[in-house]
PDB file of N, CA and C in Angstrom:
ATOM      1  N   MET A   1       0.843  -1.172   0.000  1.00  0.00           N
ATOM      2  CA  MET A   1       0.000   0.000   0.000  1.00  0.00           C
ATOM      3  C   MET A   1       0.891   1.239   0.000  1.00  0.00           C
ATOM      4  N   GLN A   2       0.588   2.182  -0.871  1.00  0.00           N
ATOM      5  CA  GLN A   2       1.381   3.392  -0.979  1.00  0.00           C
ATOM      6  C   GLN A   2       0.704   4.520  -0.200  1.00  0.00           C
ATOM      7  N   ILE A   3       1.508   5.293   0.531  1.00  0.00           N
ATOM      8  CA  ILE A   3       0.992   6.397   1.331  1.00  0.00           C
ATOM      9  C   ILE A   3       1.347   7.701   0.651  1.00  0.00           C
ATOM     10  N   ASP A   4       0.378   8.585   0.523  1.00  0.00           N
ATOM     11  CA  ASP A   4       0.617   9.895  -0.073  1.00  0.00           C
ATOM     12  C   ASP A   4       1.283  10.780   0.971  1.00  0.00           C
ATOM     13  N   MET A   5       2.540  11.151   0.746  1.00  0.00           N
ATOM     14  CA  MET A   5       3.299  11.948   1.708  1.00  0.00           C
ATOM     15  C   MET A   5       2.832  13.402   1.754  1.00  0.00           C
ATOM     16  N   ASN A   6       2.032  13.837   0.765  1.00  0.00           N
ATOM     17  CA  ASN A   6       1.524  15.203   0.756  1.00  0.00           C
ATOM     18  C   ASN A   6       0.196  15.344   1.484  1.00  0.00           C
ATOM     19  N   GLU A   7      -0.389  14.250   1.892  1.00  0.00           N
ATOM     20  CA  GLU A   7      -1.685  14.291   2.577  1.00  0.00           C
ATOM     21  C   GLU A   7      -1.515  14.908   3.955  1.00  0.00           C
ATOM     22  N   ARG A   8      -2.223  16.021   4.194  1.00  0.00           N
ATOM     23  CA  ARG A   8      -2.118  16.717   5.474  1.00  0.00           C
ATOM     24  C   ARG A   8      -3.419  16.658   6.274  1.00  0.00           C
ATOM     25  N   ARG A   9      -4.417  16.046   5.749  1.00  0.00           N
ATOM     26  CA  ARG A   9      -5.703  15.984   6.444  1.00  0.00           C
ATOM     27  C   ARG A   9      -5.586  15.189   7.729  1.00  0.00           C
ATOM     28  N   GLN A  10      -6.255  15.706   8.748  1.00  0.00           N
ATOM     29  CA  GLN A  10      -6.225  15.042  10.046  1.00  0.00           C
ATOM     30  C   GLN A  10      -7.477  14.210  10.287  1.00  0.00           C
ATOM     31  N   ALA A  11      -8.503  14.407   9.469  1.00  0.00           N
ATOM     32  CA  ALA A  11      -9.751  13.672   9.644  1.00  0.00           C
ATOM     33  C   ALA A  11     -10.235  13.166   8.286  1.00  0.00           C
ATOM     34  N   HIS A  12     -10.902  12.039   8.309  1.00  0.00           N
ATOM     35  CA  HIS A  12     -11.446  11.436   7.101  1.00  0.00           C
ATOM     36  C   HIS A  12     -12.581  12.292   6.538  1.00  0.00           C
ATOM     37  N   ARG A  13     -12.657  12.416   5.236  1.00  0.00           N
ATOM     38  CA  ARG A  13     -13.728  13.143   4.552  1.00  0.00           C
ATOM     39  C   ARG A  13     -14.821  12.172   4.138  1.00  0.00           C
ATOM     40  N   GLU A  14     -16.058  12.634   4.251  1.00  0.00           N
ATOM     41  CA  GLU A  14     -17.210  11.883   3.764  1.00  0.00           C
ATOM     42  C   GLU A  14     -17.776  12.641   2.569  1.00  0.00           C
ATOM     43  N   ASP A  15     -18.028  11.938   1.484  1.00  0.00           N
ATOM     44  CA  ASP A  15     -18.630  12.562   0.304  1.00  0.00           C
ATOM     45  C   ASP A  15     -20.114  12.764   0.562  1.00  0.00           C
ATOM     46  N   ILE A  16     -20.448  13.926   1.105  1.00  0.00           N
ATOM     47  CA  ILE A  16     -21.827  14.255   1.454  1.00  0.00           C
ATOM     48  C   ILE A  16     -22.207  15.542   0.732  1.00  0.00           C
ATOM     49  N   SER A  17     -23.325  15.487   0.052  1.00  0.00           N
ATOM     50  CA  SER A  17     -23.839  16.646  -0.661  1.00  0.00           C
ATOM     51  C   SER A  17     -25.038  17.177   0.121  1.00  0.00           C
ATOM     52  N   GLU A  18     -24.848  18.355   0.758  1.00  0.00           N
ATOM     53  CA  GLU A  18     -25.926  18.958   1.534  1.00  0.00           C
ATOM     54  C   GLU A  18     -25.813  20.477   1.436  1.00  0.00           C
ATOM     55  N   PRO A  19     -26.935  21.185   1.628  1.00  0.00           N
ATOM     56  CA  PRO A  19     -26.858  22.643   1.566  1.00  0.00           C
ATOM     57  C   PRO A  19     -26.117  23.209   2.770  1.00  0.00           C
ATOM     58  N   VAL A  20     -25.341  24.256   2.531  1.00  0.00           N
ATOM     59  CA  VAL A  20     -24.633  24.951   3.603  1.00  0.00           C
ATOM     60  C   VAL A  20     -24.807  26.449   3.374  1.00  0.00           C
ATOM     61  N   LEU A  21     -25.209  27.161   4.420  1.00  0.00           N
ATOM     62  CA  LEU A  21     -25.301  28.613   4.354  1.00  0.00           C
ATOM     63  C   LEU A  21     -23.944  29.165   4.748  1.00  0.00           C
ATOM     64  N   VAL A  22     -23.353  29.982   3.879  1.00  0.00           N
ATOM     65  CA  VAL A  22     -22.039  30.567   4.126  1.00  0.00           C
ATOM     66  C   VAL A  22     -22.213  32.087   4.226  1.00  0.00           C
ATOM     67  N   CYS A  23     -21.872  32.633   5.392  1.00  0.00           N
ATOM     68  CA  CYS A  23     -22.002  34.078   5.638  1.00  0.00           C
ATOM     69  C   CYS A  23     -20.623  34.654   5.910  1.00  0.00           C
ATOM     70  N   PRO A  24     -20.011  35.323   4.927  1.00  0.00           N
ATOM     71  CA  PRO A  24     -18.735  35.975   5.191  1.00  0.00           C
ATOM     72  C   PRO A  24     -18.898  37.024   6.293  1.00  0.00           C
ATOM     73  N   CYS A  25     -17.904  37.161   7.143  1.00  0.00           N
ATOM     74  CA  CYS A  25     -17.960  38.151   8.224  1.00  0.00           C
ATOM     75  C   CYS A  25     -17.758  39.567   7.709  1.00  0.00           C
ATOM     76  N   ASP A  26     -17.338  39.712   6.459  1.00  0.00           N
ATOM     77  CA  ASP A  26     -17.219  41.014   5.817  1.00  0.00           C
ATOM     78  C   ASP A  26     -18.602  41.413   5.310  1.00  0.00           C
ATOM     79  N   PRO A  27     -19.180  42.508   5.828  1.00  0.00           N
ATOM     80  CA  PRO A  27     -20.532  42.895   5.410  1.00  0.00           C
ATOM     81  C   PRO A  27     -20.635  43.264   3.927  1.00  0.00           C
ATOM     82  N   GLU A  28     -19.508  43.482   3.265  1.00  0.00           N
ATOM     83  CA  GLU A  28     -19.518  43.795   1.833  1.00  0.00           C
ATOM     84  C   GLU A  28     -19.748  42.558   0.970  1.00  0.00           C
ATOM     85  N   CYS A  29     -19.582  41.379   1.554  1.00  0.00           N
ATOM     86  CA  CYS A  29     -19.719  40.126   0.804  1.00  0.00           C
ATOM     87  C   CYS A  29     -21.045  39.470   1.142  1.00  0.00           C
ATOM     88  N   PRO A  30     -21.840  39.102   0.153  1.00  0.00           N
ATOM     89  CA  PRO A  30     -23.153  38.516   0.417  1.00  0.00           C
ATOM     90  C   PRO A  30     -23.068  37.075   0.915  1.00  0.00           C
ATOM     91  N   GLU A  31     -24.070  36.687   1.719  1.00  0.00           N
ATOM     92  CA  GLU A  31     -24.175  35.291   2.119  1.00  0.00           C
ATOM     93  C   GLU A  31     -24.742  34.500   0.949  1.00  0.00           C
ATOM     94  N   GLU A  32     -24.516  33.184   0.976  1.00  0.00           N
ATOM     95  CA  GLU A  32     -25.044  32.333  -0.086  1.00  0.00           C
ATOM     96  C   GLU A  32     -25.241  30.921   0.431  1.00  0.00           C
ATOM     97  N   VAL A  33     -26.168  30.215  -0.201  1.00  0.00           N
ATOM     98  CA  VAL A  33     -26.379  28.799   0.086  1.00  0.00           C
ATOM     99  C   VAL A  33     -25.687  28.022  -1.022  1.00  0.00           C
ATOM    100  N   CYS A  34     -24.753  27.158  -0.621  1.00  0.00           N
ATOM    101  CA  CYS A  34     -23.995  26.329  -1.560  1.00  0.00           C
ATOM    102  C   CYS A  34     -24.252  24.866  -1.233  1.00  0.00           C
ATOM    103  N   THR A  35     -23.633  23.988  -1.995  1.00  0.00           N
ATOM    104  CA  THR A  35     -23.753  22.554  -1.756  1.00  0.00           C
ATOM    105  C   THR A  35     -22.377  21.980  -1.459  1.00  0.00           C
ATOM    106  N   THR A  36     -22.278  21.248  -0.364  1.00  0.00           N
ATOM    107  CA  THR A  36     -20.998  20.635  -0.023  1.00  0.00           C
ATOM    108  C   THR A  36     -20.701  19.487  -0.975  1.00  0.00           C
ATOM    109  N   LEU A  37     -19.400  19.254  -1.192  1.00  0.00           N
ATOM    110  CA  LEU A  37     -18.957  18.066  -1.914  1.00  0.00           C
ATOM    111  C   LEU A  37     -18.460  17.024  -0.933  1.00  0.00           C
ATOM    112  N   ASN A  38     -17.853  17.504   0.176  1.00  0.00           N
ATOM    113  CA  ASN A  38     -17.455  16.589   1.244  1.00  0.00           C
ATOM    114  C   ASN A  38     -17.376  17.351   2.560  1.00  0.00           C
ATOM    115  N   VAL A  39     -17.467  16.586   3.641  1.00  0.00           N
ATOM    116  CA  VAL A  39     -17.418  17.162   4.990  1.00  0.00           C
ATOM    117  C   VAL A  39     -16.553  16.268   5.876  1.00  0.00           C
ATOM    118  N   SER A  40     -16.051  16.852   6.948  1.00  0.00           N
ATOM    119  CA  SER A  40     -15.311  16.116   7.966  1.00  0.00           C
ATOM    120  C   SER A  40     -15.758  16.678   9.310  1.00  0.00           C
ATOM    121  N   PRO A  41     -15.316  16.098  10.416  1.00  0.00           N
ATOM    122  CA  PRO A  41     -15.710  16.638  11.719  1.00  0.00           C
ATOM    123  C   PRO A  41     -15.246  18.079  11.943  1.00  0.00           C
ATOM    124  N   ASN A  42     -14.199  18.509  11.231  1.00  0.00           N
ATOM    125  CA  ASN A  42     -13.684  19.857  11.471  1.00  0.00           C
ATOM    126  C   ASN A  42     -13.586  20.714  10.214  1.00  0.00           C
ATOM    127  N   GLY A  43     -14.360  20.381   9.187  1.00  0.00           N
ATOM    128  CA  GLY A  43     -14.319  21.197   7.989  1.00  0.00           C
ATOM    129  C   GLY A  43     -15.302  20.760   6.930  1.00  0.00           C
ATOM    130  N   LEU A  44     -15.378  21.558   5.874  1.00  0.00           N
ATOM    131  CA  LEU A  44     -16.238  21.228   4.751  1.00  0.00           C
ATOM    132  C   LEU A  44     -15.674  21.847   3.481  1.00  0.00           C
ATOM    133  N   TYR A  45     -16.106  21.298   2.347  1.00  0.00           N
ATOM    134  CA  TYR A  45     -15.645  21.756   1.037  1.00  0.00           C
ATOM    135  C   TYR A  45     -16.870  21.912   0.156  1.00  0.00           C
ATOM    136  N   PHE A  46     -17.000  23.094  -0.465  1.00  0.00           N
ATOM    137  CA  PHE A  46     -18.145  23.357  -1.323  1.00  0.00           C
ATOM    138  C   PHE A  46     -17.681  24.072  -2.586  1.00  0.00           C
ATOM    139  N   THR A  47     -18.580  24.168  -3.552  1.00  0.00           N
ATOM    140  CA  THR A  47     -18.276  24.903  -4.771  1.00  0.00           C
ATOM    141  C   THR A  47     -19.184  26.121  -4.871  1.00  0.00           C
ATOM    142  N   THR A  48     -18.671  27.133  -5.572  1.00  0.00           N
ATOM    143  CA  THR A  48     -19.411  28.382  -5.734  1.00  0.00           C
ATOM    144  C   THR A  48     -18.942  29.081  -7.004  1.00  0.00           C
ATOM    145  N   THR A  49     -19.782  29.967  -7.518  1.00  0.00           N
ATOM    146  CA  THR A  49     -19.372  30.826  -8.631  1.00  0.00           C
ATOM    147  C   THR A  49     -18.949  32.204  -8.114  1.00  0.00           C
ATOM    148  N   THR A  50     -19.104  32.427  -6.815  1.00  0.00           N
ATOM    149  CA  THR A  50     -18.747  33.701  -6.200  1.00  0.00           C
ATOM    150  C   THR A  50     -17.242  33.764  -5.991  1.00  0.00           C
ATOM    151  N   GLY A  51     -16.633  34.875  -6.375  1.00  0.00           N
ATOM    152  CA  GLY A  51     -15.186  34.985  -6.305  1.00  0.00           C
ATOM    153  C   GLY A  51     -14.661  35.824  -5.155  1.00  0.00           C
ATOM    154  N   HIS A  52     -15.454  36.037  -4.110  1.00  0.00           N
ATOM    155  CA  HIS A  52     -14.980  36.914  -3.032  1.00  0.00           C
ATOM    156  C   HIS A  52     -14.273  36.201  -1.884  1.00  0.00           C
ATOM    157  N   TYR A  53     -14.133  34.906  -1.943  1.00  0.00           N
ATOM    158  CA  TYR A  53     -13.467  34.179  -0.856  1.00  0.00           C
ATOM    159  C   TYR A  53     -11.948  34.281  -0.995  1.00  0.00           C
ATOM    160  N   PHE A  54     -11.249  34.254   0.134  1.00  0.00           N
ATOM    161  CA  PHE A  54      -9.788  34.283   0.124  1.00  0.00           C
ATOM    162  C   PHE A  54      -9.284  33.533   1.350  1.00  0.00           C
ATOM    163  N   PRO A  55      -8.086  32.943   1.284  1.00  0.00           N
ATOM    164  CA  PRO A  55      -7.538  32.234   2.447  1.00  0.00           C
ATOM    165  C   PRO A  55      -7.432  33.162   3.652  1.00  0.00           C
ATOM    166  N   GLY A  56      -7.905  32.663   4.789  1.00  0.00           N
ATOM    167  CA  GLY A  56      -7.902  33.447   6.021  1.00  0.00           C
ATOM    168  C   GLY A  56      -9.203  34.179   6.279  1.00  0.00           C
ATOM    169  N   MET A  57     -10.100  34.225   5.291  1.00  0.00           N
ATOM    170  CA  MET A  57     -11.378  34.919   5.448  1.00  0.00           C
ATOM    171  C   MET A  57     -12.229  34.214   6.502  1.00  0.00           C
ATOM    172  N   ASN A  58     -12.766  34.966   7.463  1.00  0.00           N
ATOM    173  CA  ASN A  58     -13.666  34.413   8.466  1.00  0.00           C
ATOM    174  C   ASN A  58     -15.077  34.330   7.905  1.00  0.00           C
ATOM    175  N   VAL A  59     -15.740  33.224   8.207  1.00  0.00           N
ATOM    176  CA  VAL A  59     -17.116  32.998   7.761  1.00  0.00           C
ATOM    177  C   VAL A  59     -17.911  32.365   8.896  1.00  0.00           C
ATOM    178  N   ILE A  60     -19.210  32.489   8.795  1.00  0.00           N
ATOM    179  CA  ILE A  60     -20.113  31.749   9.680  1.00  0.00           C
ATOM    180  C   ILE A  60     -20.864  30.785   8.779  1.00  0.00           C
ATOM    181  N   VAL A  61     -20.795  29.495   9.096  1.00  0.00           N
ATOM    182  CA  VAL A  61     -21.418  28.483   8.245  1.00  0.00           C
ATOM    183  C   VAL A  61     -22.509  27.747   9.013  1.00  0.00           C
ATOM    184  N   THR A  62     -23.550  27.394   8.275  1.00  0.00           N
ATOM    185  CA  THR A  62     -24.651  26.600   8.812  1.00  0.00           C
ATOM    186  C   THR A  62     -24.759  25.344   7.970  1.00  0.00           C
ATOM    187  N   PRO A  63     -24.136  24.243   8.426  1.00  0.00           N
ATOM    188  CA  PRO A  63     -24.214  22.992   7.657  1.00  0.00           C
ATOM    189  C   PRO A  63     -25.640  22.441   7.640  1.00  0.00           C
ATOM    190  N   ASN A  64     -25.953  21.678   6.605  1.00  0.00           N
ATOM    191  CA  ASN A  64     -27.265  21.069   6.428  1.00  0.00           C
ATOM    192  C   ASN A  64     -28.363  22.114   6.595  1.00  0.00           C
ATOM    193  N   PHE A  65     -28.195  23.245   5.920  1.00  0.00           N
ATOM    194  CA  PHE A  65     -29.066  24.409   6.065  1.00  0.00           C
ATOM    195  C   PHE A  65     -30.488  24.138   5.586  1.00  0.00           C
ATOM    196  N   ARG A  66     -31.445  24.524   6.403  1.00  0.00           N
ATOM    197  CA  ARG A  66     -32.870  24.500   6.063  1.00  0.00           C
ATOM    198  C   ARG A  66     -33.453  25.830   6.520  1.00  0.00           C
ATOM    199  N   ALA A  67     -34.010  26.597   5.606  1.00  0.00           N
ATOM    200  CA  ALA A  67     -34.508  27.935   5.926  1.00  0.00           C
ATOM    201  C   ALA A  67     -35.599  27.911   6.994  1.00  0.00           C
ATOM    202  N   ASP A  68     -36.348  26.825   7.086  1.00  0.00           N
ATOM    203  CA  ASP A  68     -37.463  26.764   8.031  1.00  0.00           C
ATOM    204  C   ASP A  68     -37.112  26.061   9.348  1.00  0.00           C
ATOM    205  N   ASP A  69     -35.838  25.823   9.617  1.00  0.00           N
ATOM    206  CA  ASP A  69     -35.412  25.135  10.843  1.00  0.00           C
ATOM    207  C   ASP A  69     -34.766  26.135  11.811  1.00  0.00           C
ATOM    208  N   PRO A  70     -35.470  26.522  12.893  1.00  0.00           N
ATOM    209  CA  PRO A  70     -34.915  27.504  13.825  1.00  0.00           C
ATOM    210  C   PRO A  70     -33.840  26.938  14.760  1.00  0.00           C
ATOM    211  N   MET A  71     -33.622  25.640  14.756  1.00  0.00           N
ATOM    212  CA  MET A  71     -32.689  25.009  15.690  1.00  0.00           C
ATOM    213  C   MET A  71     -31.341  24.645  15.058  1.00  0.00           C
ATOM    214  N   GLN A  72     -31.012  25.272  13.959  1.00  0.00           N
ATOM    215  CA  GLN A  72     -29.754  24.948  13.284  1.00  0.00           C
ATOM    216  C   GLN A  72     -28.564  25.475  14.063  1.00  0.00           C
ATOM    217  N   ARG A  73     -27.428  24.810  13.900  1.00  0.00           N
ATOM    218  CA  ARG A  73     -26.191  25.249  14.539  1.00  0.00           C
ATOM    219  C   ARG A  73     -25.342  26.008  13.539  1.00  0.00           C
ATOM    220  N   GLU A  74     -24.762  27.100  14.016  1.00  0.00           N
ATOM    221  CA  GLU A  74     -23.858  27.901  13.199  1.00  0.00           C
ATOM    222  C   GLU A  74     -22.458  27.778  13.774  1.00  0.00           C
ATOM    223  N   TYR A  75     -21.473  27.830  12.892  1.00  0.00           N
ATOM    224  CA  TYR A  75     -20.078  27.685  13.300  1.00  0.00           C
ATOM    225  C   TYR A  75     -19.232  28.797  12.696  1.00  0.00           C
ATOM    226  N   VAL A  76     -18.261  29.273  13.460  1.00  0.00           N
ATOM    227  CA  VAL A  76     -17.268  30.195  12.933  1.00  0.00           C
ATOM    228  C   VAL A  76     -16.188  29.344  12.270  1.00  0.00           C
ATOM    229  N   GLY A  77     -15.791  29.740  11.084  1.00  0.00           N
ATOM    230  CA  GLY A  77     -14.744  29.026  10.376  1.00  0.00           C
ATOM    231  C   GLY A  77     -13.890  29.996   9.594  1.00  0.00           C
ATOM    232  N   ASP A  78     -12.875  29.457   8.952  1.00  0.00           N
ATOM    233  CA  ASP A  78     -12.059  30.281   8.070  1.00  0.00           C
ATOM    234  C   ASP A  78     -11.738  29.504   6.803  1.00  0.00           C
ATOM    235  N   VAL A  79     -11.551  30.259   5.743  1.00  0.00           N
ATOM    236  CA  VAL A  79     -11.202  29.664   4.447  1.00  0.00           C
ATOM    237  C   VAL A  79      -9.736  29.254   4.515  1.00  0.00           C
ATOM    238  N   ILE A  80      -9.474  27.984   4.229  1.00  0.00           N
ATOM    239  CA  ILE A  80      -8.083  27.521   4.267  1.00  0.00           C
ATOM    240  C   ILE A  80      -7.532  27.159   2.890  1.00  0.00           C
ATOM    241  N   ARG A  81      -8.427  26.993   1.911  1.00  0.00           N
ATOM    242  CA  ARG A  81      -7.937  26.647   0.576  1.00  0.00           C
ATOM    243  C   ARG A  81      -8.976  27.048  -0.469  1.00  0.00           C
ATOM    244  N   LEU A  82      -8.489  27.552  -1.594  1.00  0.00           N
ATOM    245  CA  LEU A  82      -9.314  27.847  -2.768  1.00  0.00           C
ATOM    246  C   LEU A  82      -8.758  27.077  -3.946  1.00  0.00           C
ATOM    247  N   GLU A  83      -9.646  26.575  -4.782  1.00  0.00           N
ATOM    248  CA  GLU A  83      -9.224  25.892  -6.008  1.00  0.00           C
ATOM    249  C   GLU A  83     -10.037  26.441  -7.173  1.00  0.00           C
ATOM    250  N   ARG A  84      -9.347  26.862  -8.208  1.00  0.00           N
ATOM    251  CA  ARG A  84     -10.053  27.301  -9.417  1.00  0.00           C
ATOM    252  C   ARG A  84     -10.409  26.031 -10.194  1.00  0.00           C
ATOM    253  N   LEU A  85     -11.693  25.794 -10.359  1.00  0.00           N
ATOM    254  CA  LEU A  85     -12.171  24.636 -11.096  1.00  0.00           C
ATOM    255  C   LEU A  85     -12.536  25.097 -12.511  1.00  0.00           C
ATOM    256  N   GLU A  86     -13.333  24.359 -13.234  1.00  0.00           N
ATOM    257  CA  GLU A  86     -13.680  24.756 -14.595  1.00  0.00           C
ATOM    258  C   GLU A  86     -14.896  25.682 -14.627  1.00  0.00           C
ATOM    259  N   ASP A  87     -15.024  26.392 -15.729  1.00  0.00           N
ATOM    260  CA  ASP A  87     -16.205  27.217 -16.027  1.00  0.00           C
ATOM    261  C   ASP A  87     -16.538  28.234 -14.937  1.00  0.00           C
ATOM    262  N   GLY A  88     -15.539  28.887 -14.367  1.00  0.00           N
ATOM    263  CA  GLY A  88     -15.791  29.932 -13.374  1.00  0.00           C
ATOM    264  C   GLY A  88     -16.229  29.430 -12.008  1.00  0.00           C
ATOM    265  N   ILE A  89     -16.015  28.150 -11.736  1.00  0.00           N
ATOM    266  CA  ILE A  89     -16.395  27.556 -10.445  1.00  0.00           C
ATOM    267  C   ILE A  89     -15.172  27.550  -9.531  1.00  0.00           C
ATOM    268  N   TRP A  90     -15.394  27.857  -8.265  1.00  0.00           N
ATOM    269  CA  TRP A  90     -14.351  27.805  -7.238  1.00  0.00           C
ATOM    270  C   TRP A  90     -14.674  26.707  -6.238  1.00  0.00           C
ATOM    271  N   GLY A  91     -13.659  25.965  -5.818  1.00  0.00           N
ATOM    272  CA  GLY A  91     -13.782  25.041  -4.702  1.00  0.00           C
ATOM    273  C   GLY A  91     -13.257  25.748  -3.464  1.00  0.00           C
ATOM    274  N   VAL A  92     -14.020  25.711  -2.375  1.00  0.00           N
ATOM    275  CA  VAL A  92     -13.652  26.429  -1.159  1.00  0.00           C
ATOM    276  C   VAL A  92     -13.620  25.448   0.010  1.00  0.00           C
ATOM    277  N   ALA A  93     -12.481  25.395   0.703  1.00  0.00           N
ATOM    278  CA  ALA A  93     -12.341  24.546   1.889  1.00  0.00           C
ATOM    279  C   ALA A  93     -12.422  25.441   3.123  1.00  0.00           C
ATOM    280  N   ILE A  94     -13.308  25.074   4.040  1.00  0.00           N
ATOM    281  CA  ILE A  94     -13.522  25.816   5.278  1.00  0.00           C
ATOM    282  C   ILE A  94     -13.099  24.950   6.455  1.00  0.00           C
ATOM    283  N   ARG A  95     -12.325  25.539   7.362  1.00  0.00           N
ATOM    284  CA  ARG A  95     -11.982  24.878   8.627  1.00  0.00           C
ATOM    285  C   ARG A  95     -12.951  25.404   9.684  1.00  0.00           C
ATOM    286  N   ILE A  96     -13.618  24.484  10.388  1.00  0.00           N
ATOM    287  CA  ILE A  96     -14.528  24.867  11.464  1.00  0.00           C
ATOM    288  C   ILE A  96     -13.694  25.131  12.715  1.00  0.00           C
ATOM    289  N   LEU A  97     -13.885  26.310  13.308  1.00  0.00           N
ATOM    290  CA  LEU A  97     -13.098  26.698  14.476  1.00  0.00           C
ATOM    291  C   LEU A  97     -13.860  26.532  15.782  1.00  0.00           C
ATOM    292  N   VAL A  98     -15.111  26.977  15.826  1.00  0.00           N
ATOM    293  CA  VAL A  98     -15.857  26.981  17.074  1.00  0.00           C
ATOM    294  C   VAL A  98     -17.350  27.150  16.775  1.00  0.00           C
ATOM    295  N   LEU A  99     -18.182  26.657  17.674  1.00  0.00           N
ATOM    296  CA  LEU A  99     -19.616  26.890  17.586  1.00  0.00           C
ATOM    297  C   LEU A  99     -19.867  28.383  17.743  1.00  0.00           C
ATOM    298  N   TYR A 100     -20.698  28.947  16.897  1.00  0.00           N
ATOM    299  CA  TYR A 100     -20.976  30.386  16.921  1.00  0.00           C
ATOM    300  C   TYR A 100     -22.068  30.683  17.931  1.00  0.00           C
ATOM    301  N   ASN A 101     -21.826  31.661  18.781  1.00  0.00           N
ATOM    302  CA  ASN A 101     -22.812  32.113  19.749  1.00  0.00           C
ATOM    303  C   ASN A 101     -22.973  33.613  19.547  1.00  0.00           C
ATOM    304  N   PRO A 102     -24.066  34.044  18.893  1.00  0.00           N
ATOM    305  CA  PRO A 102     -24.217  35.466  18.595  1.00  0.00           C
ATOM    306  C   PRO A 102     -24.146  36.353  19.832  1.00  0.00           C
ATOM    307  N   GLY A 103     -24.446  35.845  21.004  1.00  0.00           N
ATOM    308  CA  GLY A 103     -24.357  36.632  22.225  1.00  0.00           C
ATOM    309  C   GLY A 103     -22.930  37.008  22.572  1.00  0.00           C
ATOM    310  N   ASP A 104     -21.952  36.294  21.987  1.00  0.00           N
ATOM    311  CA  ASP A 104     -20.540  36.582  22.250  1.00  0.00           C
ATOM    312  C   ASP A 104     -19.998  37.694  21.369  1.00  0.00           C
ATOM    313  N   CYS A 105     -20.784  38.156  20.386  1.00  0.00           N
ATOM    314  CA  CYS A 105     -20.281  39.123  19.417  1.00  0.00           C
ATOM    315  C   CYS A 105     -21.026  40.445  19.539  1.00  0.00           C
ATOM    316  N   THR A 106     -20.342  41.498  19.203  1.00  0.00           N
ATOM    317  CA  THR A 106     -20.976  42.803  19.077  1.00  0.00           C
ATOM    318  C   THR A 106     -20.726  43.289  17.665  1.00  0.00           C
ATOM    319  N   ASP A 107     -21.789  43.601  16.957  1.00  0.00           N
ATOM    320  CA  ASP A 107     -21.716  44.015  15.552  1.00  0.00           C
ATOM    321  C   ASP A 107     -20.960  42.963  14.746  1.00  0.00           C
ATOM    322  N   THR A 108     -19.810  43.320  14.179  1.00  0.00           N
ATOM    323  CA  THR A 108     -19.087  42.375  13.330  1.00  0.00           C
ATOM    324  C   THR A 108     -17.871  41.777  14.038  1.00  0.00           C
ATOM    325  N   GLU A 109     -17.713  42.024  15.321  1.00  0.00           N
ATOM    326  CA  GLU A 109     -16.556  41.499  16.045  1.00  0.00           C
ATOM    327  C   GLU A 109     -16.772  40.021  16.369  1.00  0.00           C
ATOM    328  N   LEU A 110     -15.777  39.199  16.073  1.00  0.00           N
ATOM    329  CA  LEU A 110     -15.858  37.772  16.359  1.00  0.00           C
ATOM    330  C   LEU A 110     -15.335  37.503  17.765  1.00  0.00           C
ATOM    331  N   PRO A 111     -15.803  36.398  18.387  1.00  0.00           N
ATOM    332  CA  PRO A 111     -15.244  36.049  19.685  1.00  0.00           C
ATOM    333  C   PRO A 111     -13.776  35.649  19.536  1.00  0.00           C
ATOM    334  N   LYS A 112     -13.015  35.786  20.603  1.00  0.00           N
ATOM    335  CA  LYS A 112     -11.617  35.370  20.579  1.00  0.00           C
ATOM    336  C   LYS A 112     -11.582  33.843  20.515  1.00  0.00           C
ATOM    337  N   ILE A 113     -10.860  33.317  19.538  1.00  0.00           N
ATOM    338  CA  ILE A 113     -10.828  31.876  19.307  1.00  0.00           C
ATOM    339  C   ILE A 113      -9.436  31.362  19.615  1.00  0.00           C
ATOM    340  N   PRO A 114      -9.297  30.533  20.659  1.00  0.00           N
ATOM    341  CA  PRO A 114      -7.962  29.981  20.930  1.00  0.00           C
ATOM    342  C   PRO A 114      -7.632  28.894  19.937  1.00  0.00           C
ATOM    343  N   LEU A 115      -6.719  29.152  19.009  1.00  0.00           N
ATOM    344  CA  LEU A 115      -6.325  28.131  18.049  1.00  0.00           C
ATOM    345  C   LEU A 115      -5.429  27.090  18.676  1.00  0.00           C
ATOM    346  N   PHE A 116      -4.658  27.489  19.713  1.00  0.00           N
ATOM    347  CA  PHE A 116      -3.773  26.574  20.410  1.00  0.00           C
ATOM    348  C   PHE A 116      -4.116  26.644  21.888  1.00  0.00           C
ATOM    349  N   PRO A 117      -5.093  25.837  22.334  1.00  0.00           N
ATOM    350  CA  PRO A 117      -5.521  25.904  23.730  1.00  0.00           C
ATOM    351  C   PRO A 117      -4.371  25.641  24.692  1.00  0.00           C
ATOM    352  N   THR A 118      -4.399  26.357  25.788  1.00  0.00           N
ATOM    353  CA  THR A 118      -3.396  26.148  26.822  1.00  0.00           C
ATOM    354  C   THR A 118      -3.939  25.150  27.839  1.00  0.00           C
ATOM    355  N   SER A 119      -3.048  24.402  28.440  1.00  0.00           N
ATOM    356  CA  SER A 119      -3.516  23.390  29.397  1.00  0.00           C
ATOM    357  C   SER A 119      -3.433  23.878  30.809  1.00  0.00           C
TER     358      SER A 119
END
């Protein structure tokens, strides 16, 4: 069995196609509902025709989005990879950082997210 030495993923991906609401934290960028191509416990990958995403961009995502479901969970994430696909389509990889709690934010300020928790 050959191992890909370039593989950096820490969690297995599942090929799941489901709607995801993506809300960039930049108020100049519109939110959109996209479809995932795969998901993992700590991230997701979707395609879009919108070109405003960039590595490091903070977003709030709602996986398995249903407009009529008031009990959905939202997560703060960041864009970690962009891929230019064919015909003006972009592949966007999002890393999930933390469960989003709107009570922790004021206006557009995000909560402080410890990327490297201290023990």
